[in-house]
Amino acid sequence: MSGFDPKIAFSLAGQSAIVTGGGRGIGRGVALGLARAGASLHIFDRDASAAHETVTLLNSEGHKAHAHKVDVGSESEIEHAMEAVASMGAIDILINNAGLAIRKPSIDLPLTDWEAVLKVNLTGVFLCARCAARHMIANGKGSIVNLASIMGLSGGGLYPNISYQSTKGAVINLTRALAVEWAPHGIRVNAVAPTWVRTDFIKPLTDNPDLVARMNAMTPLGRIAEIDEIVGGIVYLASPAASMVTGHTLAIDGGFLAQ
């Protein structure tokens, strides 16, 4: 007979979680989901006011949360904020959500734009994971969830977005490599690959009815995802329910990659 108890398996009670880019969009939704599962939250965002807005929202529901102004492209800012978090207790969960997209044709993409996306989407993920893992190794456990994308597992097709697609593909293999390297330390590393999600991040796309129609047509379920539909997968991967899952990328894509 199974001893599985969902109330225990999905509980994050007593755990401390960091969400990068937690000031808005998917990051804010994930912070709320983790908090409702019992975790205390640390919101990292380069927009301090957005981070504080998320914390205010969390506090209004009775959750414990702190805001930290952090640019994930800055190693020193990451390390300073992680030390501040560690001074309050263990770092149990890291959600690498912060991201950047500069949608331009590849032949016209300036090197500065390429490097800006690389700095946030790949180097930032690595730096945050590495810094968190140093604390997790000392504690003998931890869970890291990276935000990839269906664009990291496909060539896209709707519009040129080469730096985003390249970095998200790299995040998927970074996830695998770190999962293997850190498994002996009790650290699980997974990723989520969402489809298009209705947030300000893709507002330039959703403001175009023709693009929306094409997105819907390319998705077997026939629609763009909502934030809450992504949050569940992330909370699952962070939770004890996924205790035997590492190195995995979970597509939450309405069937996009099944075609």
C-alpha atoms as a PDB file:
ATOM      1  CA  MET A   1       0.000   0.000   0.000  1.00  0.00           C
ATOM      2  CA  SER A   2       1.332   3.439  -0.915  1.00  0.00           C
ATOM      3  CA  GLY A   3       2.282   5.778   1.865  1.00  0.00           C
ATOM      4  CA  PHE A   4       1.795   8.797  -0.376  1.00  0.00           C
ATOM      5  CA  ASP A   5       0.062  11.692   1.349  1.00  0.00           C
ATOM      6  CA  PRO A   6      -0.467  14.745  -0.886  1.00  0.00           C
ATOM      7  CA  LYS A   7      -0.744  17.059   2.100  1.00  0.00           C
ATOM      8  CA  ILE A   8       2.807  16.093   3.075  1.00  0.00           C
ATOM      9  CA  ALA A   9       4.266  15.557  -0.385  1.00  0.00           C
ATOM     10  CA  PHE A  10       3.323  19.016  -1.678  1.00  0.00           C
ATOM     11  CA  SER A  11       3.975  20.868   1.581  1.00  0.00           C
ATOM     12  CA  LEU A  12       6.810  23.390   1.709  1.00  0.00           C
ATOM     13  CA  ALA A  13       6.227  24.250   5.358  1.00  0.00           C
ATOM     14  CA  GLY A  14       9.388  25.464   7.055  1.00  0.00           C
ATOM     15  CA  GLN A  15      11.279  25.920   3.791  1.00  0.00           C
ATOM     16  CA  SER A  16      12.827  29.103   2.450  1.00  0.00           C
ATOM     17  CA  ALA A  17      12.571  29.931  -1.257  1.00  0.00           C
ATOM     18  CA  ILE A  18      14.208  32.494  -3.541  1.00  0.00           C
ATOM     19  CA  VAL A  19      12.432  33.611  -6.726  1.00  0.00           C
ATOM     20  CA  THR A  20      14.443  35.696  -9.166  1.00  0.00           C
ATOM     21  CA  GLY A  21      12.458  38.110 -11.275  1.00  0.00           C
ATOM     22  CA  GLY A  22       9.759  37.740  -8.636  1.00  0.00           C
ATOM     23  CA  GLY A  23       8.451  41.264  -8.977  1.00  0.00           C
ATOM     24  CA  ARG A  24       5.887  40.492 -11.652  1.00  0.00           C
ATOM     25  CA  GLY A  25       4.495  37.949 -14.088  1.00  0.00           C
ATOM     26  CA  ILE A  26       5.342  34.274 -13.673  1.00  0.00           C
ATOM     27  CA  GLY A  27       7.774  35.107 -10.869  1.00  0.00           C
ATOM     28  CA  ARG A  28       5.082  36.767  -8.776  1.00  0.00           C
ATOM     29  CA  GLY A  29       2.698  33.882  -9.448  1.00  0.00           C
ATOM     30  CA  VAL A  30       5.323  31.331  -8.416  1.00  0.00           C
ATOM     31  CA  ALA A  31       6.080  33.269  -5.235  1.00  0.00           C
ATOM     32  CA  LEU A  32       2.398  33.159  -4.296  1.00  0.00           C
ATOM     33  CA  GLY A  33       2.188  29.443  -5.098  1.00  0.00           C
ATOM     34  CA  LEU A  34       5.248  28.574  -3.025  1.00  0.00           C
ATOM     35  CA  ALA A  35       4.042  30.704  -0.123  1.00  0.00           C
ATOM     36  CA  ARG A  36       0.603  29.080  -0.177  1.00  0.00           C
ATOM     37  CA  ALA A  37       2.379  25.706   0.009  1.00  0.00           C
ATOM     38  CA  GLY A  38       4.054  26.919   3.203  1.00  0.00           C
ATOM     39  CA  ALA A  39       7.404  28.421   2.171  1.00  0.00           C
ATOM     40  CA  SER A  40       8.831  31.745   3.271  1.00  0.00           C
ATOM     41  CA  LEU A  41       9.880  33.864   0.303  1.00  0.00           C
ATOM     42  CA  HIS A  42      12.778  36.017  -0.803  1.00  0.00           C
ATOM     43  CA  ILE A  43      12.020  38.064  -3.901  1.00  0.00           C
ATOM     44  CA  PHE A  44      14.996  39.007  -6.078  1.00  0.00           C
ATOM     45  CA  ASP A  45      14.331  41.638  -8.733  1.00  0.00           C
ATOM     46  CA  ARG A  46      16.316  44.476 -10.282  1.00  0.00           C
ATOM     47  CA  ASP A  47      13.151  46.582  -9.939  1.00  0.00           C
ATOM     48  CA  ALA A  48      13.033  47.191  -6.198  1.00  0.00           C
ATOM     49  CA  SER A  49       9.520  48.631  -6.260  1.00  0.00           C
ATOM     50  CA  ALA A  50       8.169  45.566  -8.098  1.00  0.00           C
ATOM     51  CA  ALA A  51       9.857  43.268  -5.573  1.00  0.00           C
ATOM     52  CA  HIS A  52       8.271  45.203  -2.714  1.00  0.00           C
ATOM     53  CA  GLU A  53       4.863  45.005  -4.414  1.00  0.00           C
ATOM     54  CA  THR A  54       5.120  41.217  -4.464  1.00  0.00           C
ATOM     55  CA  VAL A  55       6.200  41.174  -0.818  1.00  0.00           C
ATOM     56  CA  THR A  56       3.287  43.430   0.137  1.00  0.00           C
ATOM     57  CA  LEU A  57       0.929  41.040  -1.625  1.00  0.00           C
ATOM     58  CA  LEU A  58       2.459  38.046   0.142  1.00  0.00           C
ATOM     59  CA  ASN A  59       2.318  39.785   3.519  1.00  0.00           C
ATOM     60  CA  SER A  60      -1.347  40.655   2.947  1.00  0.00           C
ATOM     61  CA  GLU A  61      -2.052  36.903   2.812  1.00  0.00           C
ATOM     62  CA  GLY A  62      -0.085  36.336   6.011  1.00  0.00           C
ATOM     63  CA  HIS A  63       3.060  34.962   4.389  1.00  0.00           C
ATOM     64  CA  LYS A  64       6.625  35.760   5.427  1.00  0.00           C
ATOM     65  CA  ALA A  65       8.545  37.482   2.623  1.00  0.00           C
ATOM     66  CA  HIS A  66      11.504  39.783   1.991  1.00  0.00           C
ATOM     67  CA  ALA A  67      12.452  41.907  -1.019  1.00  0.00           C
ATOM     68  CA  HIS A  68      16.006  42.160  -2.371  1.00  0.00           C
ATOM     69  CA  LYS A  69      17.154  44.450  -5.172  1.00  0.00           C
ATOM     70  CA  VAL A  70      19.246  42.149  -7.348  1.00  0.00           C
ATOM     71  CA  ASP A  71      20.427  42.287 -10.941  1.00  0.00           C
ATOM     72  CA  VAL A  72      21.077  38.628 -11.800  1.00  0.00           C
ATOM     73  CA  GLY A  73      23.736  39.764 -14.235  1.00  0.00           C
ATOM     74  CA  SER A  74      25.834  40.974 -11.299  1.00  0.00           C
ATOM     75  CA  GLU A  75      27.802  38.329  -9.424  1.00  0.00           C
ATOM     76  CA  SER A  76      28.444  40.666  -6.492  1.00  0.00           C
ATOM     77  CA  GLU A  77      24.750  41.583  -6.106  1.00  0.00           C
ATOM     78  CA  ILE A  78      23.763  37.919  -6.203  1.00  0.00           C
ATOM     79  CA  GLU A  79      26.334  36.933  -3.591  1.00  0.00           C
ATOM     80  CA  HIS A  80      25.391  39.821  -1.293  1.00  0.00           C
ATOM     81  CA  ALA A  81      21.681  38.967  -1.476  1.00  0.00           C
ATOM     82  CA  MET A  82      22.282  35.233  -0.994  1.00  0.00           C
ATOM     83  CA  GLU A  83      24.331  35.937   2.116  1.00  0.00           C
ATOM     84  CA  ALA A  84      21.484  38.088   3.430  1.00  0.00           C
ATOM     85  CA  VAL A  85      19.035  35.231   2.830  1.00  0.00           C
ATOM     86  CA  ALA A  86      21.373  32.675   4.421  1.00  0.00           C
ATOM     87  CA  SER A  87      21.721  34.872   7.506  1.00  0.00           C
ATOM     88  CA  MET A  88      17.985  34.321   8.095  1.00  0.00           C
ATOM     89  CA  GLY A  89      18.127  30.537   7.692  1.00  0.00           C
ATOM     90  CA  ALA A  90      18.681  27.780   5.139  1.00  0.00           C
ATOM     91  CA  ILE A  91      18.263  28.288   1.398  1.00  0.00           C
ATOM     92  CA  ASP A  92      16.034  25.368   0.449  1.00  0.00           C
ATOM     93  CA  ILE A  93      14.589  26.361  -2.937  1.00  0.00           C
ATOM     94  CA  LEU A  94      15.771  28.545  -5.823  1.00  0.00           C
ATOM     95  CA  ILE A  95      13.512  29.430  -8.734  1.00  0.00           C
ATOM     96  CA  ASN A  96      15.584  30.931 -11.560  1.00  0.00           C
ATOM     97  CA  ASN A  97      12.841  32.913 -13.270  1.00  0.00           C
ATOM     98  CA  ALA A  98      14.433  36.230 -14.303  1.00  0.00           C
ATOM     99  CA  GLY A  99      14.607  36.530 -18.078  1.00  0.00           C
ATOM    100  CA  LEU A 100      15.117  38.898 -20.996  1.00  0.00           C
ATOM    101  CA  ALA A 101      14.050  38.790 -24.652  1.00  0.00           C
ATOM    102  CA  ILE A 102      15.204  41.044 -27.489  1.00  0.00           C
ATOM    103  CA  ARG A 103      13.270  40.013 -30.576  1.00  0.00           C
ATOM    104  CA  LYS A 104      15.208  41.053 -33.683  1.00  0.00           C
ATOM    105  CA  PRO A 105      16.293  39.366 -36.926  1.00  0.00           C
ATOM    106  CA  SER A 106      19.574  37.543 -36.377  1.00  0.00           C
ATOM    107  CA  ILE A 107      21.416  39.395 -39.135  1.00  0.00           C
ATOM    108  CA  ASP A 108      20.495  42.709 -37.513  1.00  0.00           C
ATOM    109  CA  LEU A 109      21.031  41.755 -33.867  1.00  0.00           C
ATOM    110  CA  PRO A 110      23.784  43.891 -32.297  1.00  0.00           C
ATOM    111  CA  LEU A 111      26.388  42.046 -30.261  1.00  0.00           C
ATOM    112  CA  THR A 112      25.460  44.197 -27.265  1.00  0.00           C
ATOM    113  CA  ASP A 113      21.874  42.869 -27.412  1.00  0.00           C
ATOM    114  CA  TRP A 114      23.084  39.272 -27.758  1.00  0.00           C
ATOM    115  CA  GLU A 115      25.356  39.700 -24.744  1.00  0.00           C
ATOM    116  CA  ALA A 116      22.624  41.388 -22.679  1.00  0.00           C
ATOM    117  CA  VAL A 117      20.300  38.402 -23.134  1.00  0.00           C
ATOM    118  CA  LEU A 118      23.117  35.925 -22.491  1.00  0.00           C
ATOM    119  CA  LYS A 119      24.038  37.733 -19.273  1.00  0.00           C
ATOM    120  CA  VAL A 120      20.548  37.446 -17.780  1.00  0.00           C
ATOM    121  CA  ASN A 121      19.177  34.221 -19.270  1.00  0.00           C
ATOM    122  CA  LEU A 122      22.232  31.995 -18.981  1.00  0.00           C
ATOM    123  CA  THR A 123      25.019  33.558 -16.935  1.00  0.00           C
ATOM    124  CA  GLY A 124      22.514  34.841 -14.381  1.00  0.00           C
ATOM    125  CA  VAL A 125      20.952  31.386 -14.033  1.00  0.00           C
ATOM    126  CA  PHE A 126      24.373  29.823 -13.552  1.00  0.00           C
ATOM    127  CA  LEU A 127      25.530  32.424 -11.023  1.00  0.00           C
ATOM    128  CA  CYS A 128      22.357  32.172  -8.938  1.00  0.00           C
ATOM    129  CA  ALA A 129      22.405  28.369  -9.030  1.00  0.00           C
ATOM    130  CA  ARG A 130      26.089  28.214  -8.106  1.00  0.00           C
ATOM    131  CA  CYS A 131      25.734  30.631  -5.219  1.00  0.00           C
ATOM    132  CA  ALA A 132      22.619  28.926  -3.860  1.00  0.00           C
ATOM    133  CA  ALA A 133      24.207  25.487  -4.251  1.00  0.00           C
ATOM    134  CA  ARG A 134      27.136  26.460  -2.064  1.00  0.00           C
ATOM    135  CA  HIS A 135      24.687  27.003   0.786  1.00  0.00           C
ATOM    136  CA  MET A 136      22.579  23.951  -0.145  1.00  0.00           C
ATOM    137  CA  ILE A 137      25.645  21.683  -0.136  1.00  0.00           C
ATOM    138  CA  ALA A 138      26.379  22.755   3.433  1.00  0.00           C
ATOM    139  CA  ASN A 139      22.795  21.805   4.349  1.00  0.00           C
ATOM    140  CA  GLY A 140      22.853  18.523   2.415  1.00  0.00           C
ATOM    141  CA  LYS A 141      19.751  19.285   0.355  1.00  0.00           C
ATOM    142  CA  GLY A 142      18.017  21.723  -1.951  1.00  0.00           C
ATOM    143  CA  SER A 143      15.840  22.130  -5.015  1.00  0.00           C
ATOM    144  CA  ILE A 144      16.521  24.403  -7.994  1.00  0.00           C
ATOM    145  CA  VAL A 145      13.998  25.016 -10.767  1.00  0.00           C
ATOM    146  CA  ASN A 146      15.118  26.910 -13.857  1.00  0.00           C
ATOM    147  CA  LEU A 147      12.736  28.623 -16.255  1.00  0.00           C
ATOM    148  CA  ALA A 148      13.482  27.420 -19.769  1.00  0.00           C
ATOM    149  CA  SER A 149      11.000  27.709 -22.648  1.00  0.00           C
ATOM    150  CA  ILE A 150       9.509  25.816 -25.561  1.00  0.00           C
ATOM    151  CA  MET A 151      11.855  28.074 -27.543  1.00  0.00           C
ATOM    152  CA  GLY A 152      14.745  26.159 -25.994  1.00  0.00           C
ATOM    153  CA  LEU A 153      13.394  22.935 -27.490  1.00  0.00           C
ATOM    154  CA  SER A 154      12.289  24.232 -30.888  1.00  0.00           C
ATOM    155  CA  GLY A 155      13.283  26.738 -33.539  1.00  0.00           C
ATOM    156  CA  GLY A 156      10.252  28.899 -32.864  1.00  0.00           C
ATOM    157  CA  GLY A 157       8.906  30.050 -36.194  1.00  0.00           C
ATOM    158  CA  LEU A 158       6.679  32.992 -35.322  1.00  0.00           C
ATOM    159  CA  TYR A 159       9.327  35.711 -35.120  1.00  0.00           C
ATOM    160  CA  PRO A 160      13.137  36.003 -34.888  1.00  0.00           C
ATOM    161  CA  ASN A 161      14.346  35.566 -31.302  1.00  0.00           C
ATOM    162  CA  ILE A 162      17.755  33.943 -31.658  1.00  0.00           C
ATOM    163  CA  SER A 163      19.383  35.057 -28.396  1.00  0.00           C
ATOM    164  CA  TYR A 164      16.374  33.974 -26.325  1.00  0.00           C
ATOM    165  CA  GLN A 165      16.103  30.612 -28.093  1.00  0.00           C
ATOM    166  CA  SER A 166      19.824  29.953 -27.742  1.00  0.00           C
ATOM    167  CA  THR A 167      19.976  30.804 -24.056  1.00  0.00           C
ATOM    168  CA  LYS A 168      16.882  28.794 -23.189  1.00  0.00           C
ATOM    169  CA  GLY A 169      18.310  25.768 -24.995  1.00  0.00           C
ATOM    170  CA  ALA A 170      21.497  26.223 -22.992  1.00  0.00           C
ATOM    171  CA  VAL A 171      19.506  26.443 -19.740  1.00  0.00           C
ATOM    172  CA  ILE A 172      18.028  23.015 -20.466  1.00  0.00           C
ATOM    173  CA  ASN A 173      21.453  21.395 -20.754  1.00  0.00           C
ATOM    174  CA  LEU A 174      22.786  23.448 -17.840  1.00  0.00           C
ATOM    175  CA  THR A 175      19.937  21.929 -15.838  1.00  0.00           C
ATOM    176  CA  ARG A 176      20.960  18.394 -16.810  1.00  0.00           C
ATOM    177  CA  ALA A 177      24.638  18.985 -16.095  1.00  0.00           C
ATOM    178  CA  LEU A 178      24.085  20.588 -12.690  1.00  0.00           C
ATOM    179  CA  ALA A 179      21.597  17.860 -11.753  1.00  0.00           C
ATOM    180  CA  VAL A 180      24.251  15.195 -12.340  1.00  0.00           C
ATOM    181  CA  GLU A 181      27.021  17.174 -10.638  1.00  0.00           C
ATOM    182  CA  TRP A 182      25.053  18.085  -7.531  1.00  0.00           C
ATOM    183  CA  ALA A 183      22.965  14.926  -7.025  1.00  0.00           C
ATOM    184  CA  PRO A 184      25.523  13.488  -4.554  1.00  0.00           C
ATOM    185  CA  HIS A 185      24.886  16.550  -2.382  1.00  0.00           C
ATOM    186  CA  GLY A 186      21.124  16.004  -2.246  1.00  0.00           C
ATOM    187  CA  ILE A 187      20.388  18.899  -4.617  1.00  0.00           C
ATOM    188  CA  ARG A 188      17.792  18.403  -7.331  1.00  0.00           C
ATOM    189  CA  VAL A 189      17.933  20.620 -10.435  1.00  0.00           C
ATOM    190  CA  ASN A 190      15.019  20.708 -12.859  1.00  0.00           C
ATOM    191  CA  ALA A 191      13.503  23.071 -15.406  1.00  0.00           C
ATOM    192  CA  VAL A 192      10.114  24.088 -16.720  1.00  0.00           C
ATOM    193  CA  ALA A 193       9.597  24.929 -20.387  1.00  0.00           C
ATOM    194  CA  PRO A 194       6.458  27.038 -20.722  1.00  0.00           C
ATOM    195  CA  THR A 195       4.626  27.952 -23.881  1.00  0.00           C
ATOM    196  CA  TRP A 196       3.543  31.561 -24.433  1.00  0.00           C
ATOM    197  CA  VAL A 197       2.107  32.816 -21.141  1.00  0.00           C
ATOM    198  CA  ARG A 198      -0.187  35.819 -20.820  1.00  0.00           C
ATOM    199  CA  THR A 199       2.106  38.317 -19.067  1.00  0.00           C
ATOM    200  CA  ASP A 200       3.620  41.722 -19.782  1.00  0.00           C
ATOM    201  CA  PHE A 201       6.711  39.838 -21.007  1.00  0.00           C
ATOM    202  CA  ILE A 202       4.906  38.921 -24.236  1.00  0.00           C
ATOM    203  CA  LYS A 203       2.553  41.920 -24.363  1.00  0.00           C
ATOM    204  CA  PRO A 204       4.181  43.164 -27.599  1.00  0.00           C
ATOM    205  CA  LEU A 205       3.099  39.841 -29.104  1.00  0.00           C
ATOM    206  CA  THR A 206      -0.367  39.566 -27.582  1.00  0.00           C
ATOM    207  CA  ASP A 207      -1.131  43.112 -28.701  1.00  0.00           C
ATOM    208  CA  ASN A 208      -0.955  41.773 -32.255  1.00  0.00           C
ATOM    209  CA  PRO A 209      -4.183  39.839 -33.076  1.00  0.00           C
ATOM    210  CA  ASP A 210      -2.554  38.093 -36.037  1.00  0.00           C
ATOM    211  CA  LEU A 211       0.279  36.775 -33.861  1.00  0.00           C
ATOM    212  CA  VAL A 212      -2.171  35.611 -31.201  1.00  0.00           C
ATOM    213  CA  ALA A 213      -4.152  33.723 -33.829  1.00  0.00           C
ATOM    214  CA  ARG A 214      -0.962  32.051 -35.051  1.00  0.00           C
ATOM    215  CA  MET A 215       0.115  31.143 -31.484  1.00  0.00           C
ATOM    216  CA  ASN A 216      -3.273  29.575 -30.861  1.00  0.00           C
ATOM    217  CA  ALA A 217      -3.098  27.687 -34.144  1.00  0.00           C
ATOM    218  CA  MET A 218       0.364  26.302 -33.276  1.00  0.00           C
ATOM    219  CA  THR A 219      -0.848  25.054 -29.873  1.00  0.00           C
ATOM    220  CA  PRO A 220      -2.966  21.875 -29.864  1.00  0.00           C
ATOM    221  CA  LEU A 221      -4.981  23.124 -26.879  1.00  0.00           C
ATOM    222  CA  GLY A 222      -5.636  26.229 -28.935  1.00  0.00           C
ATOM    223  CA  ARG A 223      -4.743  29.022 -26.526  1.00  0.00           C
ATOM    224  CA  ILE A 224      -2.054  30.939 -24.664  1.00  0.00           C
ATOM    225  CA  ALA A 225      -1.338  29.763 -21.108  1.00  0.00           C
ATOM    226  CA  GLU A 226      -2.241  31.658 -17.953  1.00  0.00           C
ATOM    227  CA  ILE A 227       0.304  32.190 -15.168  1.00  0.00           C
ATOM    228  CA  ASP A 228      -1.356  29.804 -12.715  1.00  0.00           C
ATOM    229  CA  GLU A 229      -1.059  26.986 -15.272  1.00  0.00           C
ATOM    230  CA  ILE A 230       2.733  27.293 -15.078  1.00  0.00           C
ATOM    231  CA  VAL A 231       2.946  27.698 -11.311  1.00  0.00           C
ATOM    232  CA  GLY A 232       1.688  24.201 -10.491  1.00  0.00           C
ATOM    233  CA  GLY A 233       4.524  22.468 -12.327  1.00  0.00           C
ATOM    234  CA  ILE A 234       7.136  24.634 -10.642  1.00  0.00           C
ATOM    235  CA  VAL A 235       5.714  24.071  -7.160  1.00  0.00           C
ATOM    236  CA  TYR A 236       5.625  20.322  -7.889  1.00  0.00           C
ATOM    237  CA  LEU A 237       9.294  20.208  -8.938  1.00  0.00           C
ATOM    238  CA  ALA A 238      10.294  22.228  -5.864  1.00  0.00           C
ATOM    239  CA  SER A 239       8.329  19.987  -3.499  1.00  0.00           C
ATOM    240  CA  PRO A 240       9.005  16.627  -1.831  1.00  0.00           C
ATOM    241  CA  ALA A 241       6.503  15.120  -4.289  1.00  0.00           C
ATOM    242  CA  ALA A 242       9.295  15.324  -6.892  1.00  0.00           C
ATOM    243  CA  SER A 243      11.970  13.865  -4.607  1.00  0.00           C
ATOM    244  CA  MET A 244      13.102  11.379  -7.301  1.00  0.00           C
ATOM    245  CA  VAL A 245      12.998  13.894 -10.158  1.00  0.00           C
ATOM    246  CA  THR A 246      16.187  15.645 -11.233  1.00  0.00           C
ATOM    247  CA  GLY A 247      17.690  16.736 -14.543  1.00  0.00           C
ATOM    248  CA  HIS A 248      14.216  16.887 -16.054  1.00  0.00           C
ATOM    249  CA  THR A 249      12.628  19.628 -18.174  1.00  0.00           C
ATOM    250  CA  LEU A 250       8.862  19.713 -17.799  1.00  0.00           C
ATOM    251  CA  ALA A 251       7.114  21.201 -20.820  1.00  0.00           C
ATOM    252  CA  ILE A 252       3.929  23.078 -19.945  1.00  0.00           C
ATOM    253  CA  ASP A 253       2.993  23.920 -23.458  1.00  0.00           C
ATOM    254  CA  GLY A 254      -0.532  22.906 -24.428  1.00  0.00           C
ATOM    255  CA  GLY A 255       0.892  20.173 -26.639  1.00  0.00           C
ATOM    256  CA  PHE A 256       3.186  22.432 -28.698  1.00  0.00           C
ATOM    257  CA  LEU A 257       6.200  20.092 -28.502  1.00  0.00           C
ATOM    258  CA  ALA A 258       4.130  16.955 -29.091  1.00  0.00           C
ATOM    259  CA  GLN A 259       3.634  17.831 -32.750  1.00  0.00           C
END
